[in-house]
Amino acid sequence: MKLYYVPRTRAGRARWMLEELGVPYQLVRLDPSKKENRQPDYLAVHPLGHVPALTDGDTHLIESAAIVMYLADKFADKKLAPAPGTAERGQYYQWISFAMTTVEPPLVDIMMHTRFLPEDQRNPKALEKARERLKEVCTMIEKRLEGRQFVAGNQFTAADLVLGGVLGWGAMMGAITGYPNIERYVKSIQDRPAYKKANAD
């Protein structure tokens, strides 16, 4: 398997998953400053030039959550996904989707309107809306994690990798504070050896 990767991007989720699985893979680092992600050979893998992308034989996959779920099923013996048809599997799907479609968007908006956009393009109303939305989202997650070590079932799964990764990014930005269950959860996720290995360089 080959993972196309840029540090400090969503590609980190896919690399972390591969490290959790402990399976061999080739890491292909791309340098966007040199437009390596816009070269024809890479655009043949991902037409938009984004990362991550995974090739596994004749299979080509994009989107970090899709890659994570694919790998969890491919290496089912590693038990990073609950059994199909179980209630835990439903929760697993729910929290991966929730992380990507509900948690991440307000974090992106906060990042854009506090860090990335030029000051004259930042929108205070959009920023406030994103912060209010994130507050609602974090309140829900905080309640879910009450008395729980993991978000779906009784063991670490790829749902924790995706949700914990997004929450960790938010915490690193300083956008998520004052939620003790989330803070405990993120710390436990980031203490995992595979997380540390995937983020060591």
Foldseek 3Di string as FASTA:
>chain_A
DEKEDEPPDLSLLLQLLCLLLVDDYHYHYDDVVVPSLVDPVNCVLPVVSDDIWDDDPPDIDHDNLVSSVVVCVVPVVSVQADDPPDPLNVQLVVLLCCLVPQQQVLLVLLCCQPPNDDVVPHDPVSNVVSLVSNVVVLVVVLVQLVVALDNRDNDHHSSLSRNLVSLLVCVVVVSDDDRVSNVVNNVVVCPDPSNCVSNVD
